[in-house]
Amino acid sequence: MITLERAPKLWDTPEKDAALTWVPITTTDGVTAMVVCANGHAGLITDHEIDAAGHVTPSVVCTETSSRGTQEEPCDWHEHIRLDGWEG
């Protein structure tokens, strides 16, 4: 399990500034989190539970792709995470 630090604000360029951080996001379904994987891809936590201590279940898989040369390859980030500073 890895712990993601809470970012002070929503990122302008998450791929450069925010790897392994998160911010709270309010949706029509309530409060959730947007996280940035180790490869700099931002994504909203959906279809997951976040407990009072910030543990996210099930594990989080990045669904983005990255350009490597002339090919698109899926991101390989897949982790069990805890959101540091979660106020759930």
Protein backbone atom coordinates (compact mmCIF):
# COMPACT_ATOMS: atom_id res chain seq x y z
CA MET A 1 0.00 0.00 0.00
CA ILE A 2 1.19 3.49 -0.78
CA THR A 3 0.09 6.81 0.72
CA LEU A 4 -0.77 9.73 -1.55
CA GLU A 5 -0.26 13.23 -0.16
CA ARG A 6 -3.07 15.77 -0.40
CA ALA A 7 -2.25 18.55 -2.85
CA PRO A 8 -2.99 22.12 -1.71
CA LYS A 9 -5.07 22.81 -4.85
CA LEU A 10 -6.13 21.33 -8.16
CA TRP A 11 -3.11 21.04 -10.41
CA ASP A 12 -2.47 23.08 -13.55
CA THR A 13 -0.18 20.41 -15.00
CA PRO A 14 -0.54 17.16 -13.04
CA GLU A 15 1.83 15.25 -15.30
CA LYS A 16 4.68 17.55 -14.25
CA ASP A 17 3.78 18.72 -10.76
CA ALA A 18 1.72 16.22 -8.91
CA ALA A 19 2.68 12.53 -9.15
CA LEU A 20 1.27 10.54 -6.24
CA THR A 21 -0.99 13.29 -4.90
CA TRP A 22 -4.74 13.76 -4.62
CA VAL A 23 -7.38 16.48 -4.23
CA PRO A 24 -10.99 16.24 -3.02
CA ILE A 25 -13.64 16.60 -5.74
CA THR A 26 -17.37 17.14 -5.17
CA THR A 27 -19.63 15.34 -7.64
CA THR A 28 -23.39 14.88 -7.79
CA ASP A 29 -22.81 11.63 -5.86
CA GLY A 30 -20.86 13.32 -3.04
CA VAL A 31 -17.19 13.87 -2.29
CA THR A 32 -14.55 11.68 -3.91
CA ALA A 33 -10.93 12.20 -4.93
CA MET A 34 -8.93 12.89 -8.05
CA VAL A 35 -5.55 11.18 -7.90
CA VAL A 36 -2.38 11.39 -9.96
CA CYS A 37 -0.52 8.14 -10.61
CA ALA A 38 3.25 7.78 -10.52
CA ASN A 39 3.33 8.42 -14.27
CA GLY A 40 1.53 11.78 -13.99
CA HIS A 41 -1.96 10.76 -15.16
CA ALA A 42 -4.89 12.35 -13.32
CA GLY A 43 -8.07 10.37 -12.75
CA LEU A 44 -11.23 10.51 -10.69
CA ILE A 45 -11.84 7.75 -8.14
CA THR A 46 -15.15 6.16 -9.16
CA ASP A 47 -16.63 2.79 -8.25
CA HIS A 48 -14.41 2.74 -5.14
CA GLU A 49 -15.00 3.12 -1.42
CA ILE A 50 -12.91 5.51 0.69
CA ASP A 51 -13.06 4.79 4.42
CA ALA A 52 -12.65 7.33 7.23
CA ALA A 53 -8.87 6.72 7.35
CA GLY A 54 -8.52 7.32 3.59
CA HIS A 55 -8.05 3.68 2.52
CA VAL A 56 -9.41 3.15 -1.00
CA THR A 57 -10.94 -0.17 -2.04
CA PRO A 58 -10.65 -1.87 -4.39
CA SER A 59 -7.11 -1.13 -5.62
CA VAL A 60 -6.70 1.70 -8.14
CA VAL A 61 -5.69 1.06 -11.75
CA CYS A 62 -4.67 3.91 -14.06
CA THR A 63 -6.60 3.61 -17.31
CA GLU A 64 -4.61 6.19 -19.27
CA THR A 65 -2.16 5.49 -22.07
CA SER A 66 1.27 6.98 -22.69
CA SER A 67 3.02 7.70 -25.96
CA ARG A 68 6.28 5.84 -26.30
CA GLY A 69 7.79 6.58 -29.66
CA THR A 70 5.09 5.96 -32.23
CA GLN A 71 2.95 3.66 -30.05
CA GLU A 72 0.40 4.15 -27.32
CA GLU A 73 0.94 1.86 -24.35
CA PRO A 74 -1.31 1.41 -21.32
CA CYS A 75 -0.12 2.87 -18.04
CA ASP A 76 1.24 0.19 -15.72
CA TRP A 77 0.26 1.89 -12.43
CA HIS A 78 -1.89 -0.34 -10.18
CA GLU A 79 -1.77 0.19 -6.42
CA HIS A 80 -3.59 -0.15 -3.13
CA ILE A 81 -3.69 3.43 -1.87
CA ARG A 82 -4.44 5.54 1.18
CA LEU A 83 -5.30 9.22 0.89
CA ASP A 84 -3.37 11.16 3.51
CA GLY A 85 -5.55 13.88 5.05
CA TRP A 86 -8.86 12.40 3.87
CA GLU A 87 -11.76 13.85 5.87
CA GLY A 88 -14.45 11.32 5.08
